Protein backbone atom coordinates (compact mmCIF):
# COMPACT_ATOMS: atom_id res chain seq x y z
CA MET A 1 0.70 19.54 -6.12
CA PRO A 2 0.53 16.03 -5.94
CA LEU A 3 -2.52 14.10 -7.92
CA ILE A 4 -4.03 11.07 -6.00
CA ARG A 5 -5.57 8.20 -8.11
CA VAL A 6 -6.98 4.51 -8.40
CA ALA A 7 -4.13 3.17 -10.88
CA GLU A 8 -7.19 1.94 -13.44
CA THR A 9 -5.33 1.08 -16.55
CA ASP A 10 -2.52 -0.48 -17.75
CA SER A 11 -0.33 2.28 -18.51
CA ASP A 12 -0.86 3.42 -14.68
CA ILE A 13 -0.31 -0.24 -13.06
CA LEU A 14 3.60 -0.45 -15.18
CA ARG A 15 4.16 3.12 -13.95
CA CYS A 16 3.77 1.88 -10.53
CA LEU A 17 6.16 -0.85 -10.99
CA PRO A 18 9.58 1.34 -10.33
CA VAL A 19 7.99 2.40 -6.92
CA LEU A 20 6.79 -0.50 -6.18
CA VAL A 21 10.15 -2.97 -6.29
CA GLU A 22 11.91 -0.60 -4.11
CA LEU A 23 9.59 -2.30 -1.61
CA ARG A 24 9.12 -5.91 -3.20
CA PRO A 25 12.18 -6.46 -5.24
CA HIS A 26 11.40 -10.18 -6.10
CA LEU A 27 8.42 -8.03 -8.66
CA ALA A 28 9.60 -8.99 -12.04
CA GLU A 29 7.99 -6.70 -15.22
CA GLU A 30 7.17 -9.64 -16.89
CA THR A 31 4.84 -10.67 -14.49
CA PHE A 32 2.92 -7.85 -12.77
CA LEU A 33 0.99 -6.73 -14.96
CA SER A 34 -0.68 -10.23 -14.46
CA THR A 35 -0.82 -10.78 -10.96
CA ILE A 36 -2.46 -7.12 -10.25
CA ARG A 37 -5.01 -7.98 -12.39
CA GLN A 38 -5.94 -11.16 -11.08
CA MET A 39 -5.09 -9.36 -7.80
CA GLN A 40 -8.23 -7.43 -8.31
CA THR A 41 -10.44 -9.73 -9.25
CA ASN A 42 -9.27 -10.94 -5.99
CA GLY A 43 -10.41 -6.71 -4.22
CA TYR A 44 -6.81 -5.79 -4.98
CA HIS A 45 -7.13 -1.36 -4.90
CA LEU A 46 -3.32 -0.30 -6.43
CA VAL A 47 -3.28 3.92 -5.70
CA MET A 48 -0.86 6.10 -6.59
CA LEU A 49 0.25 9.74 -6.02
CA GLU A 50 1.52 11.65 -8.82
CA ALA A 51 4.41 14.64 -8.84
CA ASP A 52 6.44 16.49 -10.86
CA GLY A 53 4.53 13.91 -13.74
CA HIS A 54 6.96 11.31 -12.23
CA ILE A 55 5.06 8.46 -9.57
CA ALA A 56 6.43 8.99 -6.46
CA ALA A 57 4.51 6.97 -3.66
CA VAL A 58 2.02 3.71 -4.50
CA ALA A 59 0.15 1.94 -1.64
CA GLY A 60 -1.95 -1.19 -2.57
CA TYR A 61 -4.67 -2.59 -0.31
CA ARG A 62 -7.66 -4.17 0.24
CA PHE A 63 -10.93 -4.11 1.83
CA SER A 64 -11.94 -6.92 4.63
CA GLU A 65 -14.12 -7.91 7.46
CA HIS A 66 -14.08 -9.89 10.41
CA LEU A 67 -15.75 -10.13 13.84
CA ALA A 68 -13.16 -8.49 15.74
CA ARG A 69 -13.35 -5.50 13.44
CA GLY A 70 -15.47 -5.47 11.48
CA LYS A 71 -14.82 -3.52 8.11
CA PHE A 72 -11.57 -2.05 7.76
CA VAL A 73 -8.55 -1.65 4.81
CA TYR A 74 -6.21 -3.48 4.36
CA VAL A 75 -2.83 -2.12 3.37
CA ASP A 76 -0.79 -4.89 1.19
CA ASP A 77 1.73 -2.45 0.20
CA LEU A 78 2.70 1.35 1.33
CA VAL A 79 5.61 2.78 -0.64
CA THR A 80 7.72 6.50 -1.56
CA THR A 81 10.22 5.96 -4.06
CA SER A 82 13.27 6.45 -2.05
CA SER A 83 14.22 9.90 -4.28
CA ALA A 84 11.37 11.17 -2.91
CA ARG A 85 10.98 10.35 0.68
CA ARG A 86 10.70 13.64 3.13
CA LYS A 87 8.16 15.73 0.98
CA GLY A 88 5.04 14.29 3.02
CA TYR A 89 3.99 12.19 0.06
CA GLY A 90 3.59 8.99 2.29
CA LYS A 91 1.95 10.91 4.54
CA GLN A 92 -0.28 11.80 1.63
CA LEU A 93 -1.65 8.98 1.06
CA LEU A 94 -2.08 7.65 3.89
CA ASP A 95 -4.35 10.19 4.56
CA TRP A 96 -5.71 9.39 1.37
CA LEU A 97 -6.35 5.72 2.41
CA MET A 98 -7.64 6.55 6.01
CA ARG A 99 -10.59 8.76 3.70
CA MET A 100 -11.33 6.73 1.53
CA THR A 101 -11.78 3.71 4.33
CA GLU A 102 -14.23 6.18 6.51
CA SER A 103 -16.37 7.08 3.70
CA ALA A 104 -17.12 3.29 2.77
CA GLY A 105 -17.78 2.66 5.92
CA GLY A 106 -14.75 1.17 7.38
CA LYS A 107 -13.86 1.70 11.22
CA GLU A 108 -10.21 0.94 10.77
CA LEU A 109 -7.07 1.05 8.96
CA HIS A 110 -4.53 -1.85 9.55
CA LEU A 111 -0.58 -2.93 7.70
CA ASP A 112 1.85 -5.25 8.60
CA SER A 113 5.63 -3.63 7.84
CA GLY A 114 8.42 -5.96 8.45
CA ILE A 115 10.30 -6.12 11.72
CA GLN A 116 13.95 -4.31 10.07
CA ARG A 117 11.80 -1.54 8.88
CA THR A 118 12.61 0.85 11.75
CA GLU A 119 12.07 4.27 9.44
CA ALA A 120 8.91 2.93 8.34
CA HIS A 121 7.65 2.55 12.17
CA ALA A 122 8.91 5.80 13.50
CA PHE A 123 6.65 7.29 10.18
CA TYR A 124 3.55 4.84 11.19
CA GLU A 125 4.09 5.82 14.53
CA ALA A 126 4.01 9.57 13.89
CA GLN A 127 0.95 9.44 11.80
CA LYS A 128 -0.81 8.09 15.47
CA MET A 129 -0.67 4.60 14.08
CA VAL A 130 0.17 2.08 17.52
CA PHE A 131 1.40 -1.26 17.32
CA SER A 132 -0.99 -3.66 18.44
CA SER A 133 -0.36 -7.10 17.58
CA ARG A 134 2.11 -9.46 16.65
CA HIS A 135 1.99 -11.62 12.40
CA TYR A 136 3.12 -14.75 12.20
CA SER A 137 3.72 -16.67 9.81
CA LEU A 138 4.94 -19.65 8.27
CA LYS A 139 5.87 -21.00 5.05
CA LEU A 140 4.60 -24.24 4.15
CA SER A 141 6.49 -26.73 2.05
CA GLY A 142 4.47 -27.30 -0.85
CA THR A 143 5.11 -23.68 -1.37
């Protein structure tokens, strides 16, 4: 039976890296832990699904509150390792995130997904998530 829990120890956080690299290939082992610890000071949470002794899926999320949405959870990262896809782990992790959001008084769960991730889009839509807005970005010259 898969176990879902928040990655709190350095060891747990580092165990999430190989899974997150599948979604975020730019991540570097030498800076990963310090990056996560810094993000945690700003409200980021890392949760992992462990199956058969291995981390099979990972999600990073944060609480936020907007005038338009009230209190909600924004999912920064949601990924199942390629070797564990189609086993229901992504759904289990998303269900956990929805229950956690509701129990904390959140009204909505949000995430962005790159336009090239068509398989992920099909998964989200199968979970009854709707394509509700467009997200625009602009890289600034000073970064």
